[in-house]
Amino acid sequence: MKISIALAVFNEEENIHYPIESTIDWADEIVIVDGGSTDNTTSKAKSYGKKIKIINAGKNPRNFHINKQLALDNCKNAWVLQLDADEQVSKDLAKEIQYILTLNQKQIEQYQKGIPQKQKRLFIRHQKKIFKRMQTQNNPDQYKEYAGFFIPRLNFFLGKFMRYGGLYPDAPIRLIKRTRAYFPCKDVHEMIEVKGKIGWLRNPLLHYDSPTFSRYINRNKRYIIFLAQQYKKKNLPKDAKTSLQYLIFKPVVNFFQILIRHKGILDGWRGVIWAFFSSLVYPRAYLRHLIESSK
């Protein structure tokens, strides 16, 4: 069965080889929406040949899911693998994706029974959330067939793939039926909405998210700016109680949850750094919200 790859990119010259080289041999097309890159992202992508289809969006919105949805809209095949520019499909995952698309619904159901226990616990939690959302839908019959799959993701942080701190198995929905899935485009951490049953694949997607500290800080800063905008839209209070919650309580609790509850300490010094800077997101975004609201 033919499959499309969907990408939304912006100044990803150094990373674009990850998704393209790991899929171009077996994908039917690779649809890339470019948000107005000023480097050689598009020329480098074009060098891979006729399977590459580039759409110039002209702008790179802070909520990059808008361009991701544009990429999905321009795919021609029934099944789409949505990737980020810094993600690489492992060889085992590539084989698994091609295999899963040959199975019928009953065979997929049987395949799901072989999911490793650690992944299965996370999968069950996700399924409960999805089922709760399903109950509000008008057409329950559309949830009888598989229309999407979670993929466990390994995140690369300062020279190492992280396996603790809530980072693995990081589980985005990436393999989808094009006409049964969409991005709500409301939040940068939202998952794709899928009108159908959602399964789970076993092999990892490799995410070269933060190979250097400077790249991590830059990405972290973009998220803080977006989060501050969300606080403003929600008219988050600026009283003493809210300030105490966002400046002290939330970051302290989050730090120890990542480090202890989610065993981030087992990733060594990288786990400590990850926990610390992840916890600072809340006070930094809230302070930005206070400053911008006072202007």
C-alpha atoms as a PDB file:
ATOM      1  CA  MET A   1       0.000   0.000   0.000  1.00  0.00           C
ATOM      2  CA  LYS A   2       1.273   3.460  -0.915  1.00  0.00           C
ATOM      3  CA  ILE A   3       2.034   5.959   1.839  1.00  0.00           C
ATOM      4  CA  SER A   4       2.724   9.701   1.977  1.00  0.00           C
ATOM      5  CA  ILE A   5       5.156  11.468   4.302  1.00  0.00           C
ATOM      6  CA  ALA A   6       4.028  14.894   5.599  1.00  0.00           C
ATOM      7  CA  LEU A   7       6.468  17.509   6.931  1.00  0.00           C
ATOM      8  CA  ALA A   8       6.255  21.148   8.038  1.00  0.00           C
ATOM      9  CA  VAL A   9       9.672  22.828   8.169  1.00  0.00           C
ATOM     10  CA  PHE A  10      11.427  26.127   8.828  1.00  0.00           C
ATOM     11  CA  ASN A  11      15.197  26.583   8.551  1.00  0.00           C
ATOM     12  CA  GLU A  12      15.944  22.881   8.957  1.00  0.00           C
ATOM     13  CA  GLU A  13      18.895  22.576   6.576  1.00  0.00           C
ATOM     14  CA  GLU A  14      20.932  20.685   9.181  1.00  0.00           C
ATOM     15  CA  ASN A  15      18.167  18.193   9.985  1.00  0.00           C
ATOM     16  CA  ILE A  16      16.040  17.653   6.877  1.00  0.00           C
ATOM     17  CA  HIS A  17      18.104  14.604   5.913  1.00  0.00           C
ATOM     18  CA  TYR A  18      16.736  12.667   8.903  1.00  0.00           C
ATOM     19  CA  PRO A  19      13.130  12.227   7.717  1.00  0.00           C
ATOM     20  CA  ILE A  20      13.896  12.177   3.989  1.00  0.00           C
ATOM     21  CA  GLU A  21      16.718   9.638   3.939  1.00  0.00           C
ATOM     22  CA  SER A  22      14.885   7.302   6.317  1.00  0.00           C
ATOM     23  CA  THR A  23      11.690   7.192   4.212  1.00  0.00           C
ATOM     24  CA  ILE A  24      12.429   8.025   0.583  1.00  0.00           C
ATOM     25  CA  ASP A  25      13.187   4.423  -0.438  1.00  0.00           C
ATOM     26  CA  TRP A  26       9.742   3.138   0.571  1.00  0.00           C
ATOM     27  CA  ALA A  27       7.412   6.177   0.618  1.00  0.00           C
ATOM     28  CA  ASP A  28       5.385   7.134  -2.449  1.00  0.00           C
ATOM     29  CA  GLU A  29       5.746  10.891  -1.873  1.00  0.00           C
ATOM     30  CA  ILE A  30       7.204  13.331   0.668  1.00  0.00           C
ATOM     31  CA  VAL A  31       5.121  16.486   1.042  1.00  0.00           C
ATOM     32  CA  ILE A  32       7.025  19.377   2.646  1.00  0.00           C
ATOM     33  CA  VAL A  33       5.376  22.634   3.697  1.00  0.00           C
ATOM     34  CA  ASP A  34       8.052  25.287   4.137  1.00  0.00           C
ATOM     35  CA  GLY A  35       7.338  28.244   6.418  1.00  0.00           C
ATOM     36  CA  GLY A  36       9.583  30.659   4.540  1.00  0.00           C
ATOM     37  CA  SER A  37      13.013  29.225   5.326  1.00  0.00           C
ATOM     38  CA  THR A  38      15.963  31.569   4.818  1.00  0.00           C
ATOM     39  CA  ASP A  39      18.586  28.814   4.704  1.00  0.00           C
ATOM     40  CA  ASN A  40      19.044  25.950   2.201  1.00  0.00           C
ATOM     41  CA  THR A  41      16.260  23.735   3.553  1.00  0.00           C
ATOM     42  CA  THR A  42      14.191  23.642   0.371  1.00  0.00           C
ATOM     43  CA  SER A  43      17.099  23.312  -2.061  1.00  0.00           C
ATOM     44  CA  LYS A  44      18.528  20.462  -0.022  1.00  0.00           C
ATOM     45  CA  ALA A  45      15.129  18.752   0.061  1.00  0.00           C
ATOM     46  CA  LYS A  46      14.705  19.129  -3.714  1.00  0.00           C
ATOM     47  CA  SER A  47      18.059  17.430  -4.277  1.00  0.00           C
ATOM     48  CA  TYR A  48      16.490  14.109  -3.227  1.00  0.00           C
ATOM     49  CA  GLY A  49      14.471  13.875  -6.418  1.00  0.00           C
ATOM     50  CA  LYS A  50      10.976  13.576  -7.823  1.00  0.00           C
ATOM     51  CA  LYS A  51       9.304  12.171  -4.712  1.00  0.00           C
ATOM     52  CA  ILE A  52       9.745  15.525  -2.981  1.00  0.00           C
ATOM     53  CA  LYS A  53       6.794  17.922  -3.214  1.00  0.00           C
ATOM     54  CA  ILE A  54       7.424  21.369  -1.685  1.00  0.00           C
ATOM     55  CA  ILE A  55       4.690  23.861  -0.820  1.00  0.00           C
ATOM     56  CA  ASN A  56       5.698  27.379   0.198  1.00  0.00           C
ATOM     57  CA  ALA A  57       3.402  28.517   3.014  1.00  0.00           C
ATOM     58  CA  GLY A  58       5.053  31.940   3.065  1.00  0.00           C
ATOM     59  CA  LYS A  59       5.039  32.180   6.842  1.00  0.00           C
ATOM     60  CA  ASN A  60       5.967  30.135   9.892  1.00  0.00           C
ATOM     61  CA  PRO A  61       3.183  30.531  12.496  1.00  0.00           C
ATOM     62  CA  ARG A  62       4.055  30.074  16.182  1.00  0.00           C
ATOM     63  CA  ASN A  63       1.499  27.303  16.242  1.00  0.00           C
ATOM     64  CA  PHE A  64       3.343  25.173  13.698  1.00  0.00           C
ATOM     65  CA  HIS A  65       0.452  22.705  13.595  1.00  0.00           C
ATOM     66  CA  ILE A  66      -1.163  25.033  11.063  1.00  0.00           C
ATOM     67  CA  ASN A  67       1.532  24.174   8.526  1.00  0.00           C
ATOM     68  CA  LYS A  68       1.432  20.519   9.566  1.00  0.00           C
ATOM     69  CA  GLN A  69      -2.252  20.444   8.677  1.00  0.00           C
ATOM     70  CA  LEU A  70      -1.454  22.072   5.333  1.00  0.00           C
ATOM     71  CA  ALA A  71       1.008  19.246   4.654  1.00  0.00           C
ATOM     72  CA  LEU A  72      -1.646  16.631   5.465  1.00  0.00           C
ATOM     73  CA  ASP A  73      -4.148  18.378   3.193  1.00  0.00           C
ATOM     74  CA  ASN A  74      -1.741  18.105   0.260  1.00  0.00           C
ATOM     75  CA  CYS A  75      -0.979  14.395   0.593  1.00  0.00           C
ATOM     76  CA  LYS A  76      -2.601  12.152  -1.998  1.00  0.00           C
ATOM     77  CA  ASN A  77      -2.474   8.706  -0.381  1.00  0.00           C
ATOM     78  CA  ALA A  78      -4.889   7.134   2.080  1.00  0.00           C
ATOM     79  CA  TRP A  79      -2.205   6.605   4.737  1.00  0.00           C
ATOM     80  CA  VAL A  80       0.151   9.355   5.896  1.00  0.00           C
ATOM     81  CA  LEU A  81       3.165   9.312   8.197  1.00  0.00           C
ATOM     82  CA  GLN A  82       3.489  12.762   9.742  1.00  0.00           C
ATOM     83  CA  LEU A  83       7.054  13.627  10.782  1.00  0.00           C
ATOM     84  CA  ASP A  84       9.066  16.562  12.101  1.00  0.00           C
ATOM     85  CA  ALA A  85      12.237  17.718  10.345  1.00  0.00           C
ATOM     86  CA  ASP A  86      14.443  16.408  13.168  1.00  0.00           C
ATOM     87  CA  GLU A  87      12.912  12.914  13.275  1.00  0.00           C
ATOM     88  CA  GLN A  88      14.331   9.744  11.763  1.00  0.00           C
ATOM     89  CA  VAL A  89      12.380   6.576  11.103  1.00  0.00           C
ATOM     90  CA  SER A  90      14.415   3.683  12.469  1.00  0.00           C
ATOM     91  CA  LYS A  91      14.922   0.734  10.114  1.00  0.00           C
ATOM     92  CA  ASP A  92      12.775  -1.515  12.304  1.00  0.00           C
ATOM     93  CA  LEU A  93       9.993   1.073  12.408  1.00  0.00           C
ATOM     94  CA  ALA A  94      10.087   1.425   8.623  1.00  0.00           C
ATOM     95  CA  LYS A  95       9.596  -2.343   8.262  1.00  0.00           C
ATOM     96  CA  GLU A  96       6.830  -2.317  10.867  1.00  0.00           C
ATOM     97  CA  ILE A  97       4.912   0.491   9.156  1.00  0.00           C
ATOM     98  CA  GLN A  98       5.053  -1.274   5.801  1.00  0.00           C
ATOM     99  CA  TYR A  99       3.940  -4.496   7.474  1.00  0.00           C
ATOM    100  CA  ILE A 100       1.047  -2.995   9.462  1.00  0.00           C
ATOM    101  CA  LEU A 101      -0.446  -1.502   6.297  1.00  0.00           C
ATOM    102  CA  THR A 102      -0.779  -4.992   4.785  1.00  0.00           C
ATOM    103  CA  LEU A 103      -2.936  -6.260   7.673  1.00  0.00           C
ATOM    104  CA  ASN A 104      -6.717  -6.375   7.887  1.00  0.00           C
ATOM    105  CA  GLN A 105      -8.596  -5.153  10.961  1.00  0.00           C
ATOM    106  CA  LYS A 106      -8.655  -8.532  12.685  1.00  0.00           C
ATOM    107  CA  GLN A 107      -4.926  -9.025  12.119  1.00  0.00           C
ATOM    108  CA  ILE A 108      -4.179  -5.556  13.504  1.00  0.00           C
ATOM    109  CA  GLU A 109      -6.204  -6.400  16.600  1.00  0.00           C
ATOM    110  CA  GLN A 110      -4.123  -9.526  17.079  1.00  0.00           C
ATOM    111  CA  TYR A 111      -0.901  -7.561  16.524  1.00  0.00           C
ATOM    112  CA  GLN A 112      -1.839  -5.197  19.330  1.00  0.00           C
ATOM    113  CA  LYS A 113      -1.734  -8.043  21.842  1.00  0.00           C
ATOM    114  CA  GLY A 114       2.030  -8.297  21.419  1.00  0.00           C
ATOM    115  CA  ILE A 115       2.761  -4.742  22.604  1.00  0.00           C
ATOM    116  CA  PRO A 116       5.484  -4.666  25.331  1.00  0.00           C
ATOM    117  CA  GLN A 117       4.014  -4.232  28.807  1.00  0.00           C
ATOM    118  CA  LYS A 118       5.653  -0.849  29.482  1.00  0.00           C
ATOM    119  CA  GLN A 119       4.208   0.598  26.303  1.00  0.00           C
ATOM    120  CA  LYS A 120       0.879  -1.115  26.911  1.00  0.00           C
ATOM    121  CA  ARG A 121       0.355   0.754  30.212  1.00  0.00           C
ATOM    122  CA  LEU A 122       0.810   4.091  28.461  1.00  0.00           C
ATOM    123  CA  PHE A 123      -1.300   2.918  25.552  1.00  0.00           C
ATOM    124  CA  ILE A 124      -4.187   2.038  27.872  1.00  0.00           C
ATOM    125  CA  ARG A 125      -4.070   5.505  29.476  1.00  0.00           C
ATOM    126  CA  HIS A 126      -4.151   7.145  26.066  1.00  0.00           C
ATOM    127  CA  GLN A 127      -6.991   4.906  24.938  1.00  0.00           C
ATOM    128  CA  LYS A 128      -9.102   5.884  27.953  1.00  0.00           C
ATOM    129  CA  LYS A 129      -8.714   9.565  27.087  1.00  0.00           C
ATOM    130  CA  ILE A 130      -9.596   8.881  23.469  1.00  0.00           C
ATOM    131  CA  PHE A 131     -12.609   6.755  24.430  1.00  0.00           C
ATOM    132  CA  LYS A 132     -13.850   9.599  26.626  1.00  0.00           C
ATOM    133  CA  ARG A 133     -13.570  11.916  23.632  1.00  0.00           C
ATOM    134  CA  MET A 134     -15.225   9.318  21.398  1.00  0.00           C
ATOM    135  CA  GLN A 135     -18.339   9.328  23.564  1.00  0.00           C
ATOM    136  CA  THR A 136     -19.033  12.908  22.513  1.00  0.00           C
ATOM    137  CA  GLN A 137     -18.931  12.062  18.819  1.00  0.00           C
ATOM    138  CA  ASN A 138     -22.118  11.750  16.768  1.00  0.00           C
ATOM    139  CA  ASN A 139     -21.059   8.712  14.774  1.00  0.00           C
ATOM    140  CA  PRO A 140     -19.688   5.871  16.948  1.00  0.00           C
ATOM    141  CA  ASP A 141     -19.574   3.486  13.958  1.00  0.00           C
ATOM    142  CA  GLN A 142     -16.505   5.279  12.580  1.00  0.00           C
ATOM    143  CA  TYR A 143     -14.514   4.069  15.596  1.00  0.00           C
ATOM    144  CA  LYS A 144     -14.759   0.397  14.627  1.00  0.00           C
ATOM    145  CA  GLU A 145     -11.751   0.524  12.282  1.00  0.00           C
ATOM    146  CA  TYR A 146      -8.144   1.527  12.923  1.00  0.00           C
ATOM    147  CA  ALA A 147      -7.380   4.981  11.538  1.00  0.00           C
ATOM    148  CA  GLY A 148      -4.207   5.894  13.403  1.00  0.00           C
ATOM    149  CA  PHE A 149      -1.243   4.607  15.408  1.00  0.00           C
ATOM    150  CA  PHE A 150       0.843   5.872  18.291  1.00  0.00           C
ATOM    151  CA  ILE A 151       4.586   5.530  17.744  1.00  0.00           C
ATOM    152  CA  PRO A 152       7.034   5.336  20.691  1.00  0.00           C
ATOM    153  CA  ARG A 153       9.608   8.092  20.325  1.00  0.00           C
ATOM    154  CA  LEU A 154      13.174   8.289  21.646  1.00  0.00           C
ATOM    155  CA  ASN A 155      14.299  11.879  22.305  1.00  0.00           C
ATOM    156  CA  PHE A 156      17.965  12.829  21.840  1.00  0.00           C
ATOM    157  CA  PHE A 157      19.149  15.281  24.501  1.00  0.00           C
ATOM    158  CA  LEU A 158      22.750  16.524  24.819  1.00  0.00           C
ATOM    159  CA  GLY A 159      24.302  13.442  23.223  1.00  0.00           C
ATOM    160  CA  LYS A 160      22.032  10.686  24.546  1.00  0.00           C
ATOM    161  CA  PHE A 161      18.617   9.167  23.883  1.00  0.00           C
ATOM    162  CA  MET A 162      16.587   9.723  27.071  1.00  0.00           C
ATOM    163  CA  ARG A 163      14.623   6.806  28.503  1.00  0.00           C
ATOM    164  CA  TYR A 164      13.263   8.312  31.728  1.00  0.00           C
ATOM    165  CA  GLY A 165      11.848  11.592  33.029  1.00  0.00           C
ATOM    166  CA  GLY A 166       8.583  11.012  31.166  1.00  0.00           C
ATOM    167  CA  LEU A 167      10.421  11.179  27.831  1.00  0.00           C
ATOM    168  CA  TYR A 168      10.010   7.538  26.817  1.00  0.00           C
ATOM    169  CA  PRO A 169       7.951   6.134  25.412  1.00  0.00           C
ATOM    170  CA  ASP A 170       6.963   9.587  24.254  1.00  0.00           C
ATOM    171  CA  ALA A 171       3.927   8.733  22.172  1.00  0.00           C
ATOM    172  CA  PRO A 172       2.735  10.960  19.336  1.00  0.00           C
ATOM    173  CA  ILE A 173       0.090   9.768  16.893  1.00  0.00           C
ATOM    174  CA  ARG A 174       1.935   9.830  13.582  1.00  0.00           C
ATOM    175  CA  LEU A 175       0.647   7.109  11.262  1.00  0.00           C
ATOM    176  CA  ILE A 176      -2.871   8.119  10.196  1.00  0.00           C
ATOM    177  CA  LYS A 177      -5.589   7.718   7.621  1.00  0.00           C
ATOM    178  CA  ARG A 178      -5.572  11.101   5.901  1.00  0.00           C
ATOM    179  CA  THR A 179      -9.344  11.595   5.672  1.00  0.00           C
ATOM    180  CA  ARG A 180      -9.896  10.535   9.277  1.00  0.00           C
ATOM    181  CA  ALA A 181      -7.386  12.766  11.064  1.00  0.00           C
ATOM    182  CA  TYR A 182      -6.653  16.464  11.562  1.00  0.00           C
ATOM    183  CA  PHE A 183      -4.818  18.949  13.788  1.00  0.00           C
ATOM    184  CA  PRO A 184      -7.179  21.128  15.877  1.00  0.00           C
ATOM    185  CA  CYS A 185      -4.421  23.813  15.739  1.00  0.00           C
ATOM    186  CA  LYS A 186      -5.211  25.159  19.202  1.00  0.00           C
ATOM    187  CA  ASP A 187      -2.106  24.160  21.157  1.00  0.00           C
ATOM    188  CA  VAL A 188       1.480  23.187  20.297  1.00  0.00           C
ATOM    189  CA  HIS A 189       1.296  20.060  22.472  1.00  0.00           C
ATOM    190  CA  GLU A 190      -1.997  18.778  21.121  1.00  0.00           C
ATOM    191  CA  MET A 191      -2.264  15.393  19.444  1.00  0.00           C
ATOM    192  CA  ILE A 192      -3.776  14.750  16.068  1.00  0.00           C
ATOM    193  CA  GLU A 193      -7.515  14.132  16.356  1.00  0.00           C
ATOM    194  CA  VAL A 194      -8.400  10.755  14.843  1.00  0.00           C
ATOM    195  CA  LYS A 195     -11.897   9.632  13.937  1.00  0.00           C
ATOM    196  CA  GLY A 196     -11.309   5.920  14.361  1.00  0.00           C
ATOM    197  CA  LYS A 197      -9.586   3.315  16.519  1.00  0.00           C
ATOM    198  CA  ILE A 198      -5.976   4.045  17.394  1.00  0.00           C
ATOM    199  CA  GLY A 199      -3.362   1.327  17.675  1.00  0.00           C
ATOM    200  CA  TRP A 200       0.257   1.245  18.786  1.00  0.00           C
ATOM    201  CA  LEU A 201       3.474   0.435  16.972  1.00  0.00           C
ATOM    202  CA  ARG A 202       6.426  -1.140  18.787  1.00  0.00           C
ATOM    203  CA  ASN A 203       9.578   0.252  17.193  1.00  0.00           C
ATOM    204  CA  PRO A 204      10.910   3.738  17.910  1.00  0.00           C
ATOM    205  CA  LEU A 205      10.913   6.999  16.032  1.00  0.00           C
ATOM    206  CA  LEU A 206      14.253   8.730  16.662  1.00  0.00           C
ATOM    207  CA  HIS A 207      13.893  12.396  17.599  1.00  0.00           C
ATOM    208  CA  TYR A 208      17.069  14.500  17.372  1.00  0.00           C
ATOM    209  CA  ASP A 209      15.379  17.246  19.304  1.00  0.00           C
ATOM    210  CA  SER A 210      18.208  18.802  21.332  1.00  0.00           C
ATOM    211  CA  PRO A 211      21.678  17.565  20.363  1.00  0.00           C
ATOM    212  CA  THR A 212      23.148  20.826  21.726  1.00  0.00           C
ATOM    213  CA  PHE A 213      22.175  23.004  24.665  1.00  0.00           C
ATOM    214  CA  SER A 214      21.784  26.097  22.466  1.00  0.00           C
ATOM    215  CA  ARG A 215      19.239  24.322  20.237  1.00  0.00           C
ATOM    216  CA  TYR A 216      17.332  23.180  23.309  1.00  0.00           C
ATOM    217  CA  ILE A 217      17.240  26.722  24.752  1.00  0.00           C
ATOM    218  CA  ASN A 218      16.052  28.193  21.439  1.00  0.00           C
ATOM    219  CA  ARG A 219      13.254  25.652  21.127  1.00  0.00           C
ATOM    220  CA  ASN A 220      12.380  26.118  24.798  1.00  0.00           C
ATOM    221  CA  LYS A 221      12.161  29.887  24.290  1.00  0.00           C
ATOM    222  CA  ARG A 222       9.723  29.512  21.393  1.00  0.00           C
ATOM    223  CA  TYR A 223       7.456  27.364  23.536  1.00  0.00           C
ATOM    224  CA  ILE A 224       7.582  29.876  26.401  1.00  0.00           C
ATOM    225  CA  ILE A 225       6.517  32.690  24.056  1.00  0.00           C
ATOM    226  CA  PHE A 226       3.610  30.609  22.778  1.00  0.00           C
ATOM    227  CA  LEU A 227       2.599  29.558  26.306  1.00  0.00           C
ATOM    228  CA  ALA A 228       2.617  33.198  27.460  1.00  0.00           C
ATOM    229  CA  GLN A 229       0.268  34.019  24.579  1.00  0.00           C
ATOM    230  CA  GLN A 230      -2.046  31.251  25.720  1.00  0.00           C
ATOM    231  CA  TYR A 231      -2.051  32.669  29.255  1.00  0.00           C
ATOM    232  CA  LYS A 232      -3.034  36.030  27.804  1.00  0.00           C
ATOM    233  CA  LYS A 233      -5.866  34.536  25.736  1.00  0.00           C
ATOM    234  CA  LYS A 234      -7.176  32.715  28.804  1.00  0.00           C
ATOM    235  CA  ASN A 235      -6.872  35.954  30.789  1.00  0.00           C
ATOM    236  CA  LEU A 236      -4.853  34.142  33.445  1.00  0.00           C
ATOM    237  CA  PRO A 237      -5.175  36.112  36.734  1.00  0.00           C
ATOM    238  CA  LYS A 238      -2.277  38.219  37.973  1.00  0.00           C
ATOM    239  CA  ASP A 239      -3.162  38.008  41.662  1.00  0.00           C
ATOM    240  CA  ALA A 240      -0.961  36.741  44.507  1.00  0.00           C
ATOM    241  CA  LYS A 241      -2.494  33.254  44.548  1.00  0.00           C
ATOM    242  CA  THR A 242      -1.890  32.640  40.833  1.00  0.00           C
ATOM    243  CA  SER A 243       1.597  34.142  41.038  1.00  0.00           C
ATOM    244  CA  LEU A 244       2.480  31.800  43.891  1.00  0.00           C
ATOM    245  CA  GLN A 245       1.169  28.844  41.913  1.00  0.00           C
ATOM    246  CA  TYR A 246       3.057  29.600  38.674  1.00  0.00           C
ATOM    247  CA  LEU A 247       6.244  31.056  40.117  1.00  0.00           C
ATOM    248  CA  ILE A 248       6.855  28.544  42.919  1.00  0.00           C
ATOM    249  CA  PHE A 249       4.399  25.672  43.325  1.00  0.00           C
ATOM    250  CA  LYS A 250       4.142  24.410  39.726  1.00  0.00           C
ATOM    251  CA  PRO A 251       7.895  24.513  38.940  1.00  0.00           C
ATOM    252  CA  VAL A 252       8.893  22.817  42.229  1.00  0.00           C
ATOM    253  CA  VAL A 253       6.287  20.065  41.893  1.00  0.00           C
ATOM    254  CA  ASN A 254       7.116  19.516  38.222  1.00  0.00           C
ATOM    255  CA  PHE A 255      10.856  19.298  38.940  1.00  0.00           C
ATOM    256  CA  PHE A 256      10.455  16.513  41.485  1.00  0.00           C
ATOM    257  CA  GLN A 257       7.830  14.701  39.430  1.00  0.00           C
ATOM    258  CA  ILE A 258      10.221  14.481  36.477  1.00  0.00           C
ATOM    259  CA  LEU A 259      13.230  13.600  38.614  1.00  0.00           C
ATOM    260  CA  ILE A 260      11.652  11.166  41.102  1.00  0.00           C
ATOM    261  CA  ARG A 261       8.214   9.986  39.973  1.00  0.00           C
ATOM    262  CA  HIS A 262       9.265   9.619  36.329  1.00  0.00           C
ATOM    263  CA  LYS A 263      12.793   8.478  37.304  1.00  0.00           C
ATOM    264  CA  GLY A 264      14.575  11.239  35.390  1.00  0.00           C
ATOM    265  CA  ILE A 265      17.504  10.850  37.784  1.00  0.00           C
ATOM    266  CA  LEU A 266      18.304   7.544  36.015  1.00  0.00           C
ATOM    267  CA  ASP A 267      19.319   9.548  32.940  1.00  0.00           C
ATOM    268  CA  GLY A 268      22.120  11.055  35.051  1.00  0.00           C
ATOM    269  CA  TRP A 269      23.104  14.707  34.804  1.00  0.00           C
ATOM    270  CA  ARG A 270      21.095  15.089  31.606  1.00  0.00           C
ATOM    271  CA  GLY A 271      17.980  14.062  33.521  1.00  0.00           C
ATOM    272  CA  VAL A 272      18.624  16.735  36.154  1.00  0.00           C
ATOM    273  CA  ILE A 273      19.132  19.436  33.511  1.00  0.00           C
ATOM    274  CA  TRP A 274      15.995  18.330  31.679  1.00  0.00           C
ATOM    275  CA  ALA A 275      13.920  18.428  34.872  1.00  0.00           C
ATOM    276  CA  PHE A 276      15.264  21.843  35.902  1.00  0.00           C
ATOM    277  CA  PHE A 277      14.689  23.674  32.626  1.00  0.00           C
ATOM    278  CA  SER A 278      11.384  21.937  31.958  1.00  0.00           C
ATOM    279  CA  SER A 279      10.168  23.224  35.336  1.00  0.00           C
ATOM    280  CA  LEU A 280      11.256  26.779  34.564  1.00  0.00           C
ATOM    281  CA  VAL A 281       8.834  26.934  31.625  1.00  0.00           C
ATOM    282  CA  TYR A 282       5.914  27.859  33.907  1.00  0.00           C
ATOM    283  CA  PRO A 283       7.451  30.814  35.790  1.00  0.00           C
ATOM    284  CA  ARG A 284       9.182  32.152  32.666  1.00  0.00           C
ATOM    285  CA  ALA A 285       5.954  32.070  30.631  1.00  0.00           C
ATOM    286  CA  TYR A 286       3.963  33.565  33.492  1.00  0.00           C
ATOM    287  CA  LEU A 287       6.474  36.411  34.000  1.00  0.00           C
ATOM    288  CA  ARG A 288       6.342  37.128  30.285  1.00  0.00           C
ATOM    289  CA  HIS A 289       2.543  37.193  30.528  1.00  0.00           C
ATOM    290  CA  LEU A 290       2.757  39.703  33.404  1.00  0.00           C
ATOM    291  CA  ILE A 291       5.195  41.965  31.567  1.00  0.00           C
ATOM    292  CA  GLU A 292       3.274  41.964  28.279  1.00  0.00           C
ATOM    293  CA  SER A 293      -0.048  42.507  30.059  1.00  0.00           C
ATOM    294  CA  SER A 294       1.315  45.594  31.820  1.00  0.00           C
ATOM    295  CA  LYS A 295       2.342  47.304  28.578  1.00  0.00           C
END
